[in-house]
C-alpha atoms as a PDB file:
ATOM      1  CA  MET A   1      71.406  46.875 -23.924  1.00  0.00           C
ATOM      2  CA  GLY A   2      68.699  45.581 -21.695  1.00  0.00           C
ATOM      3  CA  GLU A   3      66.559  42.507 -21.819  1.00  0.00           C
ATOM      4  CA  PRO A   4      65.803  40.541 -24.980  1.00  0.00           C
ATOM      5  CA  LYS A   5      62.368  41.134 -26.450  1.00  0.00           C
ATOM      6  CA  GLY A   6      59.779  38.518 -27.327  1.00  0.00           C
ATOM      7  CA  ALA A   7      58.329  35.357 -25.865  1.00  0.00           C
ATOM      8  CA  ALA A   8      61.505  34.122 -24.208  1.00  0.00           C
ATOM      9  CA  ARG A   9      61.684  37.223 -22.066  1.00  0.00           C
ATOM     10  CA  LYS A  10      58.053  36.809 -21.021  1.00  0.00           C
ATOM     11  CA  GLY A  11      58.600  33.251 -19.860  1.00  0.00           C
ATOM     12  CA  VAL A  12      56.104  31.576 -22.172  1.00  0.00           C
ATOM     13  CA  ARG A  13      55.843  27.914 -21.278  1.00  0.00           C
ATOM     14  CA  THR A  14      55.536  25.121 -23.757  1.00  0.00           C
ATOM     15  CA  ALA A  15      53.476  22.009 -23.136  1.00  0.00           C
ATOM     16  CA  VAL A  16      54.967  18.575 -23.505  1.00  0.00           C
ATOM     17  CA  VAL A  17      52.765  16.784 -26.002  1.00  0.00           C
ATOM     18  CA  PRO A  18      52.803  12.973 -26.137  1.00  0.00           C
ATOM     19  CA  ASP A  19      54.041  11.387 -29.343  1.00  0.00           C
ATOM     20  CA  PRO A  20      50.975  11.265 -31.628  1.00  0.00           C
ATOM     21  CA  ASP A  21      52.272   8.150 -33.363  1.00  0.00           C
ATOM     22  CA  ASP A  22      52.905   5.878 -30.397  1.00  0.00           C
ATOM     23  CA  GLY A  23      50.770   3.120 -31.925  1.00  0.00           C
ATOM     24  CA  ARG A  24      47.760   3.530 -29.649  1.00  0.00           C
ATOM     25  CA  ARG A  25      44.420   4.314 -31.257  1.00  0.00           C
ATOM     26  CA  PRO A  26      40.921   4.427 -29.743  1.00  0.00           C
ATOM     27  CA  ILE A  27      38.804   1.636 -31.163  1.00  0.00           C
ATOM     28  CA  ALA A  28      35.715   1.708 -28.913  1.00  0.00           C
ATOM     29  CA  TRP A  29      33.583   4.457 -27.431  1.00  0.00           C
ATOM     30  CA  LEU A  30      30.890   4.604 -24.768  1.00  0.00           C
ATOM     31  CA  HIS A  31      28.867   7.826 -24.839  1.00  0.00           C
ATOM     32  CA  ILE A  32      26.374   8.475 -22.031  1.00  0.00           C
ATOM     33  CA  THR A  33      24.110  11.519 -21.650  1.00  0.00           C
ATOM     34  CA  ALA A  34      21.581  12.525 -18.998  1.00  0.00           C
ATOM     35  CA  PRO A  35      21.117  16.295 -19.337  1.00  0.00           C
ATOM     36  CA  GLY A  36      19.573  17.906 -16.295  1.00  0.00           C
ATOM     37  CA  GLY A  37      18.394  14.633 -14.798  1.00  0.00           C
ATOM     38  CA  ALA A  38      16.467  13.724 -17.942  1.00  0.00           C
ATOM     39  CA  MET A  39      16.106  10.190 -19.264  1.00  0.00           C
ATOM     40  CA  PRO A  40      19.651   8.838 -19.776  1.00  0.00           C
ATOM     41  CA  THR A  41      20.786   7.573 -23.166  1.00  0.00           C
ATOM     42  CA  ALA A  42      23.934   5.700 -24.111  1.00  0.00           C
ATOM     43  CA  THR A  43      25.695   4.490 -27.219  1.00  0.00           C
ATOM     44  CA  SER A  44      28.389   1.817 -27.363  1.00  0.00           C
ATOM     45  CA  TRP A  45      30.378   1.676 -30.597  1.00  0.00           C
ATOM     46  CA  CYS A  46      33.469  -0.241 -31.700  1.00  0.00           C
ATOM     47  CA  VAL A  47      35.486  -0.311 -34.912  1.00  0.00           C
ATOM     48  CA  CYS A  48      34.867  -4.081 -35.135  1.00  0.00           C
ATOM     49  CA  GLY A  49      31.171  -3.432 -35.870  1.00  0.00           C
ATOM     50  CA  HIS A  50      29.735  -3.577 -32.340  1.00  0.00           C
ATOM     51  CA  ASP A  51      27.064  -0.832 -32.304  1.00  0.00           C
ATOM     52  CA  ARG A  52      24.420  -0.655 -29.557  1.00  0.00           C
ATOM     53  CA  SER A  53      22.293   2.049 -27.947  1.00  0.00           C
ATOM     54  CA  ALA A  54      20.002   2.265 -24.919  1.00  0.00           C
ATOM     55  CA  VAL A  55      17.458   4.613 -23.358  1.00  0.00           C
ATOM     56  CA  GLY A  56      16.437   4.541 -19.690  1.00  0.00           C
ATOM     57  CA  HIS A  57      18.242   3.880 -16.440  1.00  0.00           C
ATOM     58  CA  ARG A  58      18.156   0.059 -16.439  1.00  0.00           C
ATOM     59  CA  ARG A  59      18.977  -0.273 -20.135  1.00  0.00           C
ATOM     60  CA  VAL A  60      21.864   2.207 -19.931  1.00  0.00           C
ATOM     61  CA  LEU A  61      23.325   0.313 -16.963  1.00  0.00           C
ATOM     62  CA  ALA A  62      22.986  -2.937 -18.924  1.00  0.00           C
ATOM     63  CA  LEU A  63      24.690  -1.336 -21.938  1.00  0.00           C
ATOM     64  CA  ILE A  64      27.597  -0.177 -19.763  1.00  0.00           C
ATOM     65  CA  ALA A  65      28.057  -3.771 -18.575  1.00  0.00           C
ATOM     66  CA  GLU A  66      27.803  -5.061 -22.156  1.00  0.00           C
ATOM     67  CA  HIS A  67      30.377  -2.500 -23.316  1.00  0.00           C
ATOM     68  CA  ASN A  68      32.800  -3.664 -20.608  1.00  0.00           C
ATOM     69  CA  ASP A  69      32.208  -7.309 -21.577  1.00  0.00           C
ATOM     70  CA  HIS A  70      32.848  -6.450 -25.223  1.00  0.00           C
ATOM     71  CA  ARG A  71      36.296  -5.153 -24.284  1.00  0.00           C
ATOM     72  CA  GLU A  72      37.218  -8.701 -23.265  1.00  0.00           C
ATOM     73  CA  SER A  73      35.805 -10.357 -26.389  1.00  0.00           C
ATOM     74  CA  CYS A  74      36.538  -7.777 -29.126  1.00  0.00           C
ATOM     75  CA  PRO A  75      38.560  -9.371 -31.946  1.00  0.00           C
ATOM     76  CA  LEU A  76      40.493  -6.117 -32.428  1.00  0.00           C
ATOM     77  CA  ARG A  77      41.628  -5.908 -28.797  1.00  0.00           C
ATOM     78  CA  ASN A  78      42.151  -9.666 -28.401  1.00  0.00           C
ATOM     79  CA  PRO A  79      43.243 -11.152 -31.728  1.00  0.00           C
ATOM     80  CA  GLN A  80      42.748 -14.908 -31.920  1.00  0.00           C
ATOM     81  CA  GLU A  81      45.323 -15.449 -34.674  1.00  0.00           C
ATOM     82  CA  GLY A  82      48.263 -17.473 -33.456  1.00  0.00           C
ATOM     83  CA  ARG A  83      46.545 -18.703 -30.301  1.00  0.00           C
ATOM     84  CA  ALA A  84      46.103 -22.408 -29.645  1.00  0.00           C
ATOM     85  CA  ALA A  85      42.527 -23.649 -29.832  1.00  0.00           C
ATOM     86  CA  ALA A  86      41.044 -24.480 -26.450  1.00  0.00           C
END
């Protein structure tokens, strides 16, 4: 008699994993590096074909702003089909 053996007895926890097929997919990435205070570099890439890179503080900051602006104008995030012409 005694306690059951195995994982249940040890109280192993399971993680709740979000549904992998909830329809959301990443379509754009912004990758920034500045190892050890070195010259920063950044890459902005989107599935729609937007592909930019920058080196240096000012250019990386400008690329971050451009990446954020692209989010508003990307045809994959903001489809124009079915919208009335302005």
